[in-house]
Amino acid sequence: MLHRHTRAVGAALAATGALLLTGLTGSAGAAPAAGSAASTAPSAAETLRTDAAPPALLGALQRDLGLDRRQAERRLVNEAEAGATAGRLRAALGADFAGAWVGGAESGTLTVATTDAADVPRIEAQGADATVVRHSLAELDAAKAAVDRAAAGRHGSPDAPVWYVDVRTNTVTVRAVRPSAARALLAAAGVDRSLTRVEASAERPRPLYDLRGGDAYYMNGSGRCSVGFPVTRGTQQGFATAGHCGRAGTSTSGYNQVAQGTFQASTFPGRDMAWVATNANWTATPYVKGAGGQNVQVAGSTQAPVGSSVCRSGSTTGWHCGTIQQLNTSVTYPEGTITGVTRTSVCAEPGDSGGSYISGSQAQGVTSGGSGNCSTGGTTYFQPLNPLLQSYGLTLKTTTGGPGDPGDPGDPGEPGGTWAAGTVYQAGATVTYGGATYRCLQGHQAQVGWEPPNAPALWQRV
């Protein structure tokens, strides 16, 4: 926390998408006929509005990742296309799927892991690199869940504060100040040692305390945190933030010390999520505060894959960028363990807690905690946004508009079904729309304009 105080493998993949800059393709079969719906469907980069990246975001990527402007622009496009390709392959490989990640300065390489060598041609046909591993992602997730349970049952230790599913090494990795503490935790969890890896680390994460994402706010007139993302719940406006910043009933004032709102719900530890309802003086906007105070547009909340670039806005250190290192991470703070966070290479300092993480124009989560600082570098963790929105029934404020309340179908202009704007969908979820069934490829909150037939980067017809 950073808080400043005063199967079916043989299933056909959808014929969607334009060619990725590095050759990734959205089709496993013949190209669609000219003029067909598939040939005119938007690419993943178009759906996720990578073109909306402002100079401030591109500049921060250049500074923090050592890129030039053209590389930064290509990286955002490649990451969007890679996420869609990985989603299609995950659906096709089923139980064999063992994770995916991007690599290279421009995220030009997508690697997809599988437990079955017979899947390799299918992966490579999509323009991705294939690697055959021992354990599926489902096995790794189950092993990590066992470690979570052991930590919650008093077997956790501040000397083994971080563990996560690492798809690159095909293990559940525990980072420990004392390796013996990690071994004790794994023994208590009872997981197969072939599934795990212990990594020595001096890291001791802590909270980062200290209605535009990244702006400061104050709790009960003292501690300071940062706004995550402006949201709505029906007609009520507010913002998402970190749970450790305040409990339900805690009052807040804005960056200008003007009365602002009240925490409506908060979860910490376990998760690190909360939301604040604001008074009539504050209006939710679809922006995050970027470098130099410039507005960075928020166009959705599609989850970025491992290896993707991500930038953070906070009221102490401003705008910094890095990469997503691992999803499904657990971290132990002095106050307890939280699960389901994402580990990044972005730095942060006290007061940045609650602030925004964004990849391109896609909201990712709110700052939870970390170690290190922005002078010497560090590691941070964020609470993913989609579970927060789902838990509290909130709708993210975006530049593309959208429904005023989760579950409101808006005005999609097409026959209905079970798909609904404002609903948070996880990869693998199925919906009906216009008489057809679709499978979700990437986790996101649905919005008008992202109806399944219009968003092949997010949905596959089955």
Protein backbone atom coordinates (compact mmCIF):
# COMPACT_ATOMS: atom_id res chain seq x y z
CA MET A 1 0.00 0.00 0.00
CA LEU A 2 1.23 3.48 -0.71
CA HIS A 3 -0.57 5.88 1.63
CA ARG A 4 0.87 9.13 2.88
CA HIS A 5 -0.41 9.95 6.34
CA THR A 6 -0.80 14.32 7.20
CA ARG A 7 -11.23 -27.72 -25.33
CA ALA A 8 -11.69 -28.11 -28.14
CA VAL A 9 -8.32 -27.72 -29.66
CA GLY A 10 -9.65 -28.40 -33.12
CA ALA A 11 -12.25 -25.66 -32.91
CA ALA A 12 -11.96 -23.11 -35.65
CA LEU A 13 -10.65 -19.72 -34.59
CA ALA A 14 -12.73 -16.72 -35.53
CA ALA A 15 -11.90 -15.10 -38.85
CA THR A 16 -11.39 -11.60 -37.51
CA GLY A 17 -8.94 -8.78 -37.40
CA ALA A 18 -6.32 -7.14 -39.55
CA LEU A 19 -2.69 -8.23 -39.61
CA LEU A 20 -0.64 -7.19 -36.62
CA LEU A 21 2.44 -5.17 -37.46
CA THR A 22 4.61 -8.19 -36.63
CA GLY A 23 2.46 -10.71 -38.51
CA LEU A 24 -0.07 -11.85 -35.92
CA THR A 25 -3.32 -12.69 -37.60
CA GLY A 26 -6.84 -13.01 -36.35
CA SER A 27 -7.85 -15.80 -38.72
CA ALA A 28 -7.02 -19.49 -38.80
CA GLY A 29 -8.91 -20.11 -42.00
CA ALA A 30 -9.44 -18.55 -45.38
CA ALA A 31 -9.65 -14.80 -45.64
CA PRO A 32 -13.19 -13.45 -45.59
CA ALA A 33 -14.74 -12.35 -48.83
CA ALA A 34 -14.45 -8.69 -49.66
CA GLY A 35 -17.34 -6.71 -48.29
CA SER A 36 -18.20 -9.35 -45.68
CA ALA A 37 -18.84 -8.39 -42.07
CA ALA A 38 -15.55 -9.94 -40.98
CA SER A 39 -13.51 -8.02 -43.56
CA THR A 40 -14.93 -4.71 -42.33
CA ALA A 41 -14.80 -5.51 -38.62
CA PRO A 42 -12.55 -3.21 -36.60
CA SER A 43 -9.11 -4.40 -35.58
CA ALA A 44 -8.23 -4.80 -31.92
CA ALA A 45 -6.24 -1.58 -32.04
CA GLU A 46 -9.25 0.26 -33.45
CA THR A 47 -11.62 -1.22 -30.87
CA LEU A 48 -9.32 -0.34 -27.98
CA ARG A 49 -8.57 3.14 -29.38
CA THR A 50 -4.79 2.98 -29.33
CA ASP A 51 -4.93 6.06 -31.56
CA ALA A 52 -6.29 7.98 -28.55
CA ALA A 53 -2.92 7.86 -26.78
CA PRO A 54 -1.97 11.50 -26.13
CA PRO A 55 1.54 12.96 -26.37
CA ALA A 56 1.90 12.76 -22.57
CA LEU A 57 1.43 8.99 -22.53
CA LEU A 58 3.67 8.43 -25.54
CA GLY A 59 6.30 10.68 -24.00
CA ALA A 60 6.27 8.74 -20.73
CA LEU A 61 6.64 5.44 -22.60
CA GLN A 62 9.62 6.89 -24.45
CA ARG A 63 11.23 8.07 -21.22
CA ASP A 64 10.60 5.03 -19.03
CA LEU A 65 10.94 2.21 -21.61
CA GLY A 66 13.67 3.76 -23.76
CA LEU A 67 11.59 4.02 -26.94
CA ASP A 68 11.21 6.58 -29.67
CA ARG A 69 7.76 7.90 -30.53
CA ARG A 70 7.18 5.52 -33.45
CA GLN A 71 8.17 2.54 -31.31
CA ALA A 72 5.79 3.67 -28.57
CA GLU A 73 2.91 3.95 -31.04
CA ARG A 74 3.66 0.53 -32.55
CA ARG A 75 3.93 -1.02 -29.11
CA LEU A 76 0.40 0.04 -28.19
CA VAL A 77 -0.98 -1.36 -31.45
CA ASN A 78 0.91 -4.63 -31.08
CA GLU A 79 -0.24 -5.11 -27.49
CA ALA A 80 -3.86 -4.61 -28.48
CA GLU A 81 -3.61 -7.13 -31.33
CA ALA A 82 -1.63 -9.60 -29.20
CA GLY A 83 -4.30 -9.54 -26.51
CA ALA A 84 -6.99 -10.43 -29.02
CA THR A 85 -4.88 -13.23 -30.57
CA ALA A 86 -4.08 -14.64 -27.14
CA GLY A 87 -7.78 -14.61 -26.28
CA ARG A 88 -8.69 -16.59 -29.40
CA LEU A 89 -5.93 -19.11 -28.75
CA ARG A 90 -6.95 -19.51 -25.12
CA ALA A 91 -10.46 -20.36 -26.24
CA ALA A 92 -9.16 -22.82 -28.88
CA LEU A 93 -6.60 -24.60 -26.70
CA GLY A 94 -8.92 -25.05 -23.75
CA ALA A 95 -7.36 -27.04 -20.90
CA ASP A 96 -3.97 -27.09 -22.68
CA PHE A 97 -3.56 -23.31 -22.40
CA ALA A 98 -0.71 -22.32 -20.09
CA GLY A 99 -0.53 -18.54 -20.50
CA ALA A 100 0.63 -15.89 -22.94
CA TRP A 101 2.95 -12.89 -22.88
CA VAL A 102 4.41 -10.26 -25.16
CA GLY A 103 8.07 -9.34 -25.55
CA GLY A 104 10.44 -7.04 -27.41
CA ALA A 105 10.82 -3.27 -27.37
CA GLU A 106 7.67 -2.91 -29.48
CA SER A 107 5.88 -5.92 -27.93
CA GLY A 108 6.32 -7.45 -31.36
CA THR A 109 6.45 -11.06 -30.17
CA LEU A 110 3.53 -12.95 -28.65
CA THR A 111 4.41 -16.24 -26.94
CA VAL A 112 1.66 -18.72 -26.10
CA ALA A 113 2.35 -21.68 -23.81
CA THR A 114 0.62 -25.05 -24.12
CA THR A 115 0.92 -28.45 -22.43
CA ASP A 116 0.37 -30.34 -25.71
CA ALA A 117 2.95 -30.26 -28.52
CA ALA A 118 0.15 -31.00 -30.99
CA ASP A 119 -1.07 -27.44 -30.43
CA VAL A 120 2.13 -25.85 -31.74
CA PRO A 121 1.06 -25.60 -35.42
CA ARG A 122 -2.21 -23.93 -34.41
CA ILE A 123 -0.38 -21.38 -32.31
CA GLU A 124 2.19 -20.63 -34.98
CA ALA A 125 -0.55 -20.32 -37.61
CA GLN A 126 -1.74 -17.28 -35.64
CA GLY A 127 1.70 -15.64 -35.91
CA ALA A 128 2.64 -16.38 -32.31
CA ASP A 129 5.62 -18.24 -30.89
CA ALA A 130 4.72 -21.52 -29.16
CA THR A 131 6.32 -23.06 -26.11
CA VAL A 132 5.43 -26.46 -24.64
CA VAL A 133 5.37 -26.61 -20.85
CA ARG A 134 4.51 -29.08 -18.11
CA HIS A 135 1.69 -27.31 -16.29
CA SER A 136 -1.50 -25.67 -17.57
CA LEU A 137 -2.61 -22.25 -16.39
CA ALA A 138 -5.49 -23.91 -14.55
CA GLU A 139 -3.00 -26.06 -12.60
CA LEU A 140 -0.92 -23.03 -11.71
CA ASP A 141 -3.96 -21.03 -10.63
CA ALA A 142 -5.10 -23.92 -8.41
CA ALA A 143 -1.66 -24.17 -6.81
CA LYS A 144 -1.57 -20.47 -6.12
CA ALA A 145 -5.04 -20.65 -4.57
CA ALA A 146 -3.68 -23.31 -2.18
CA VAL A 147 -0.85 -20.97 -1.19
CA ASP A 148 -3.39 -18.17 -0.65
CA ARG A 149 -5.35 -20.41 1.71
CA ALA A 150 -2.22 -21.38 3.63
CA ALA A 151 -1.23 -17.74 4.05
CA ALA A 152 -4.72 -16.85 5.26
CA GLY A 153 -4.51 -19.73 7.77
CA ARG A 154 -1.69 -18.08 9.71
CA HIS A 155 1.11 -19.68 7.71
CA GLY A 156 1.94 -16.42 5.97
CA SER A 157 5.13 -14.53 6.80
CA PRO A 158 6.41 -11.00 6.20
CA ASP A 159 9.64 -12.70 5.10
CA ALA A 160 7.82 -14.30 2.15
CA PRO A 161 5.52 -11.43 1.20
CA VAL A 162 4.88 -11.97 -2.53
CA TRP A 163 3.77 -14.92 -4.66
CA TYR A 164 2.25 -15.14 -8.11
CA VAL A 165 1.60 -17.26 -11.19
CA ASP A 166 4.57 -16.66 -13.49
CA VAL A 167 3.57 -17.88 -16.95
CA ARG A 168 7.06 -17.28 -18.34
CA THR A 169 8.64 -19.84 -15.95
CA ASN A 170 5.48 -22.00 -15.71
CA THR A 171 5.59 -21.86 -11.92
CA VAL A 172 4.03 -20.34 -8.86
CA THR A 173 6.88 -18.13 -7.72
CA VAL A 174 7.39 -17.03 -4.12
CA ARG A 175 9.67 -14.04 -3.51
CA ALA A 176 11.23 -14.20 -0.07
CA VAL A 177 13.62 -12.32 2.15
CA ARG A 178 14.26 -15.65 3.91
CA PRO A 179 13.91 -18.70 1.58
CA SER A 180 13.05 -20.86 4.60
CA ALA A 181 9.88 -18.78 5.08
CA ALA A 182 8.89 -19.49 1.49
CA ARG A 183 9.53 -23.20 1.90
CA ALA A 184 7.42 -23.27 5.06
CA LEU A 185 4.55 -21.52 3.27
CA LEU A 186 4.70 -23.95 0.34
CA ALA A 187 4.85 -26.94 2.70
CA ALA A 188 1.75 -25.69 4.51
CA ALA A 189 -0.01 -25.27 1.15
CA GLY A 190 0.80 -28.86 0.19
CA VAL A 191 1.47 -28.07 -3.46
CA ASP A 192 3.66 -30.18 -5.75
CA ARG A 193 7.19 -28.75 -5.63
CA SER A 194 7.45 -29.06 -9.42
CA LEU A 195 4.85 -26.30 -9.62
CA THR A 196 6.81 -23.83 -7.52
CA ARG A 197 9.92 -21.70 -7.48
CA VAL A 198 11.48 -19.64 -4.68
CA GLU A 199 13.23 -16.40 -5.60
CA ALA A 200 15.39 -14.47 -3.15
CA SER A 201 14.33 -10.84 -2.79
CA ALA A 202 14.83 -7.94 -0.40
CA GLU A 203 11.38 -6.62 -1.31
CA ARG A 204 9.10 -5.71 1.59
CA PRO A 205 5.99 -4.13 0.04
CA ARG A 206 4.00 -1.56 1.98
CA PRO A 207 0.86 0.48 1.35
CA LEU A 208 1.22 3.71 -0.64
CA TYR A 209 -1.11 6.20 0.99
CA ASP A 210 -0.35 9.63 0.79
CA LEU A 211 -12.22 13.65 -10.31
CA ARG A 212 -9.58 12.91 -12.63
CA GLY A 213 -7.55 9.76 -12.20
CA GLY A 214 -4.31 10.48 -10.38
CA ASP A 215 -5.50 13.63 -8.59
CA ALA A 216 -4.99 13.83 -4.84
CA TYR A 217 -7.73 13.52 -2.26
CA TYR A 218 -7.65 13.62 1.53
CA MET A 219 -9.35 11.33 4.03
CA ASN A 220 -10.94 12.91 7.10
CA GLY A 221 -8.73 15.93 6.54
CA SER A 222 -5.45 14.08 7.12
CA GLY A 223 -4.07 11.16 5.06
CA ARG A 224 -3.71 11.56 1.31
CA CYS A 225 -4.38 9.10 -1.54
CA SER A 226 -5.02 9.35 -5.27
CA VAL A 227 -8.17 9.07 -7.38
CA GLY A 228 -8.21 5.88 -9.43
CA PHE A 229 -10.90 6.19 -12.09
CA PRO A 230 -14.11 8.25 -12.19
CA VAL A 231 -17.20 6.02 -12.17
CA THR A 232 -20.98 6.21 -11.96
CA ARG A 233 -23.60 4.12 -10.24
CA GLY A 234 -26.91 5.09 -11.73
CA THR A 235 -26.96 8.89 -11.46
CA GLN A 236 -24.46 8.95 -8.60
CA GLN A 237 -20.96 10.02 -9.56
CA GLY A 238 -17.73 9.08 -7.81
CA PHE A 239 -14.42 7.34 -8.19
CA ALA A 240 -12.69 3.99 -7.68
CA THR A 241 -9.69 3.85 -5.40
CA ALA A 242 -7.74 1.61 -3.02
CA GLY A 243 -9.47 -0.01 -0.05
CA HIS A 244 -6.66 0.72 2.39
CA CYS A 245 -7.21 4.46 1.89
CA GLY A 246 -10.45 4.49 3.88
CA ARG A 247 -13.37 2.58 5.34
CA ALA A 248 -17.06 2.98 4.54
CA GLY A 249 -18.16 6.30 6.01
CA THR A 250 -14.76 7.99 5.73
CA SER A 251 -15.21 11.52 4.36
CA THR A 252 -12.98 12.93 1.64
CA SER A 253 -11.93 16.33 0.34
CA GLY A 254 -10.43 17.01 -3.06
CA TYR A 255 -6.98 18.07 -4.23
CA ASN A 256 -8.10 21.64 -3.45
CA GLN A 257 -9.29 20.65 0.06
CA VAL A 258 -12.94 21.28 -0.92
CA ALA A 259 -15.48 18.83 0.53
CA GLN A 260 -15.79 15.99 -1.93
CA GLY A 261 -17.59 12.81 -0.83
CA THR A 262 -17.75 9.69 1.31
CA PHE A 263 -16.42 6.14 1.03
CA GLN A 264 -19.40 3.91 0.22
CA ALA A 265 -17.66 0.52 0.39
CA SER A 266 -14.15 -0.68 1.07
CA THR A 267 -12.36 -4.05 1.14
CA PHE A 268 -8.93 -4.47 2.72
CA PRO A 269 -7.12 -6.78 3.31
CA GLY A 270 -8.17 -9.70 1.11
CA ARG A 271 -8.60 -7.30 -1.79
CA ASP A 272 -7.66 -3.62 -2.00
CA MET A 273 -10.69 -1.90 -3.48
CA ALA A 274 -13.08 0.90 -2.58
CA TRP A 275 -15.27 3.55 -4.10
CA VAL A 276 -16.20 7.07 -3.08
CA ALA A 277 -19.52 8.77 -3.92
CA THR A 278 -18.98 12.47 -4.53
CA ASN A 279 -21.23 15.46 -3.92
CA ALA A 280 -22.80 17.65 -6.60
CA ASN A 281 -19.73 19.86 -6.83
CA TRP A 282 -17.70 17.10 -8.47
CA THR A 283 -18.25 15.71 -11.96
CA ALA A 284 -16.85 12.39 -13.18
CA THR A 285 -14.71 12.79 -16.31
CA PRO A 286 -13.24 10.10 -18.60
CA TYR A 287 -9.66 11.16 -18.02
CA VAL A 288 -6.50 10.35 -16.11
CA LYS A 289 -3.99 13.04 -15.21
CA GLY A 290 -0.94 12.61 -17.44
CA ALA A 291 2.47 14.26 -17.61
CA GLY A 292 2.29 18.02 -17.21
CA GLY A 293 -1.36 17.77 -16.17
CA GLN A 294 -2.53 16.76 -19.64
CA ASN A 295 -5.66 14.63 -19.91
CA VAL A 296 -5.23 10.98 -20.93
CA GLN A 297 -8.44 9.49 -22.34
CA VAL A 298 -10.03 6.39 -20.82
CA ALA A 299 -11.87 4.42 -23.51
CA GLY A 300 -12.50 1.09 -21.72
CA SER A 301 -11.14 -1.49 -19.32
CA THR A 302 -9.80 -4.36 -21.44
CA GLN A 303 -7.18 -6.30 -19.48
CA ALA A 304 -3.69 -6.09 -20.98
CA PRO A 305 -1.50 -9.23 -21.28
CA VAL A 306 1.71 -9.94 -19.40
CA GLY A 307 4.60 -7.91 -20.81
CA SER A 308 2.41 -5.01 -21.91
CA SER A 309 3.32 -1.44 -21.18
CA VAL A 310 1.38 0.25 -18.40
CA CYS A 311 1.50 3.79 -16.99
CA ARG A 312 0.54 5.03 -13.54
CA SER A 313 -0.71 8.40 -12.36
CA GLY A 314 -0.39 9.41 -8.72
CA SER A 315 -0.54 12.56 -6.63
CA THR A 316 3.01 12.23 -5.27
CA THR A 317 5.17 11.18 -8.20
CA GLY A 318 2.91 11.96 -11.14
CA TRP A 319 3.20 9.95 -14.34
CA HIS A 320 5.47 6.88 -14.65
CA CYS A 321 5.47 3.84 -16.94
CA GLY A 322 6.76 0.26 -16.95
CA THR A 323 5.50 -3.20 -17.85
CA ILE A 324 3.06 -5.76 -16.48
CA GLN A 325 5.19 -8.51 -14.98
CA GLN A 326 2.65 -10.98 -13.55
CA LEU A 327 -1.10 -11.28 -13.14
CA ASN A 328 -2.77 -13.17 -10.26
CA THR A 329 -0.31 -12.07 -7.59
CA SER A 330 -0.68 -12.18 -3.82
CA VAL A 331 1.21 -9.82 -1.54
CA THR A 332 1.47 -9.61 2.24
CA TYR A 333 1.53 -6.17 3.83
CA PRO A 334 1.88 -5.54 7.57
CA GLU A 335 -1.93 -5.26 7.69
CA GLY A 336 -2.56 -8.62 5.96
CA THR A 337 -2.51 -10.43 2.63
CA ILE A 338 -4.32 -9.31 -0.51
CA THR A 339 -4.87 -11.55 -3.53
CA GLY A 340 -5.58 -11.11 -7.23
CA VAL A 341 -3.38 -8.05 -7.75
CA THR A 342 -1.05 -7.39 -10.71
CA ARG A 343 2.72 -6.94 -10.32
CA THR A 344 4.47 -4.25 -12.38
CA SER A 345 7.86 -2.60 -12.86
CA VAL A 346 6.37 0.88 -12.40
CA CYS A 347 7.67 2.93 -9.47
CA ALA A 348 5.50 4.68 -6.87
CA GLU A 349 5.81 6.40 -3.51
CA PRO A 350 3.61 7.20 -0.49
CA GLY A 351 0.56 9.21 -1.55
CA ASP A 352 0.26 7.45 -4.93
CA SER A 353 -2.10 4.81 -3.46
CA GLY A 354 -5.41 4.46 -5.22
CA GLY A 355 -4.13 6.14 -8.39
CA SER A 356 -4.71 5.02 -11.96
CA TYR A 357 -2.95 2.35 -14.03
CA ILE A 358 -3.69 2.54 -17.75
CA SER A 359 -2.44 0.70 -20.86
CA GLY A 360 -2.97 2.86 -23.93
CA SER A 361 -6.54 4.04 -23.40
CA GLN A 362 -7.62 0.99 -21.36
CA ALA A 363 -7.99 1.32 -17.60
CA GLN A 364 -6.20 -1.48 -15.74
CA GLY A 365 -6.44 -0.87 -12.01
CA VAL A 366 -5.69 1.23 -8.94
CA THR A 367 -2.40 1.46 -7.06
CA SER A 368 -2.19 -0.79 -4.02
CA GLY A 369 1.40 -0.85 -2.78
CA GLY A 370 4.97 -1.70 -3.54
CA SER A 371 8.62 -1.28 -2.68
CA GLY A 372 11.41 1.04 -3.76
CA ASN A 373 10.83 4.56 -5.04
CA CYS A 374 10.93 6.69 -8.18
CA SER A 375 14.54 7.75 -7.67
CA THR A 376 16.12 4.31 -7.63
CA GLY A 377 13.27 2.28 -9.13
CA GLY A 378 10.80 -0.11 -7.62
CA THR A 379 8.04 -2.67 -7.93
CA THR A 380 4.34 -1.92 -7.53
CA TYR A 381 1.06 -3.82 -7.35
CA PHE A 382 -2.35 -2.72 -8.54
CA GLN A 383 -5.85 -3.91 -7.78
CA PRO A 384 -7.41 -4.80 -11.18
CA LEU A 385 -10.29 -2.50 -12.02
CA ASN A 386 -12.80 -4.92 -13.55
CA PRO A 387 -13.32 -6.93 -10.33
CA LEU A 388 -13.76 -3.65 -8.47
CA LEU A 389 -16.41 -2.44 -10.92
CA GLN A 390 -18.18 -5.79 -10.71
CA SER A 391 -18.08 -5.99 -6.91
CA TYR A 392 -19.64 -2.58 -6.37
CA GLY A 393 -21.90 -2.35 -9.43
CA LEU A 394 -20.04 0.61 -10.92
CA THR A 395 -19.68 1.83 -14.50
CA LEU A 396 -16.38 3.24 -15.68
CA LYS A 397 -16.58 6.73 -17.16
CA THR A 398 -15.22 6.56 -20.72
CA THR A 399 -14.79 8.88 -23.68
CA THR A 400 -16.99 6.55 -25.73
CA GLY A 401 -19.95 7.13 -23.44
CA GLY A 402 -21.97 4.19 -22.22
CA PRO A 403 -24.80 3.24 -19.95
CA GLY A 404 -25.56 5.10 -16.78
CA ASP A 405 -25.90 1.94 -14.76
CA PRO A 406 -24.54 -1.62 -14.99
CA GLY A 407 -27.03 -3.90 -16.65
CA ASP A 408 -28.62 -1.09 -18.67
CA PRO A 409 -28.52 -2.32 -22.28
CA GLY A 410 -28.18 1.23 -23.53
CA ASP A 411 -29.16 1.66 -27.18
CA PRO A 412 -27.11 -0.84 -29.18
CA GLY A 413 -29.53 -0.70 -32.09
CA GLU A 414 -29.59 -4.51 -32.45
CA PRO A 415 -31.78 -7.36 -31.18
CA GLY A 416 -31.19 -8.18 -27.56
CA GLY A 417 -29.94 -11.24 -25.72
CA THR A 418 -28.02 -11.80 -22.53
CA TRP A 419 -25.25 -9.33 -23.42
CA ALA A 420 -25.63 -6.08 -21.50
CA ALA A 421 -23.62 -2.88 -21.51
CA GLY A 422 -22.14 -2.15 -18.11
CA THR A 423 -21.58 -5.82 -17.28
CA VAL A 424 -18.05 -6.99 -16.50
CA TYR A 425 -17.20 -10.08 -18.57
CA GLN A 426 -14.25 -12.39 -17.92
CA ALA A 427 -12.45 -14.39 -20.62
CA GLY A 428 -14.47 -17.52 -21.39
CA ALA A 429 -17.87 -16.05 -20.47
CA THR A 430 -20.64 -16.66 -23.03
CA VAL A 431 -23.53 -14.40 -24.02
CA THR A 432 -26.23 -14.29 -26.66
CA TYR A 433 -26.79 -11.32 -28.94
CA GLY A 434 -28.94 -10.99 -32.05
CA GLY A 435 -29.75 -14.71 -31.97
CA ALA A 436 -26.10 -15.82 -31.87
CA THR A 437 -23.83 -17.02 -29.08
CA TYR A 438 -20.47 -15.41 -28.38
CA ARG A 439 -17.51 -16.24 -26.14
CA CYS A 440 -15.54 -13.49 -24.38
CA LEU A 441 -11.87 -13.37 -25.40
CA GLN A 442 -10.55 -10.64 -23.08
CA GLY A 443 -11.84 -9.42 -19.74
CA HIS A 444 -13.59 -6.02 -19.97
CA GLN A 445 -16.63 -3.99 -18.97
CA ALA A 446 -19.10 -3.95 -21.85
CA GLN A 447 -20.19 -0.64 -23.33
CA VAL A 448 -22.32 0.60 -26.20
CA GLY A 449 -20.25 0.22 -29.37
CA TRP A 450 -18.64 -2.96 -28.08
CA GLU A 451 -21.57 -5.25 -28.94
CA PRO A 452 -20.23 -8.74 -29.79
CA PRO A 453 -20.65 -8.47 -33.59
CA ASN A 454 -18.83 -5.12 -33.53
CA ALA A 455 -15.87 -6.11 -31.33
CA PRO A 456 -14.09 -9.24 -32.66
CA ALA A 457 -11.11 -8.36 -30.46
CA LEU A 458 -13.32 -9.03 -27.45
CA TRP A 459 -15.89 -11.60 -28.64
CA GLN A 460 -15.81 -14.78 -30.76
CA ARG A 461 -18.97 -16.21 -32.31
CA VAL A 462 -19.45 -19.89 -31.36
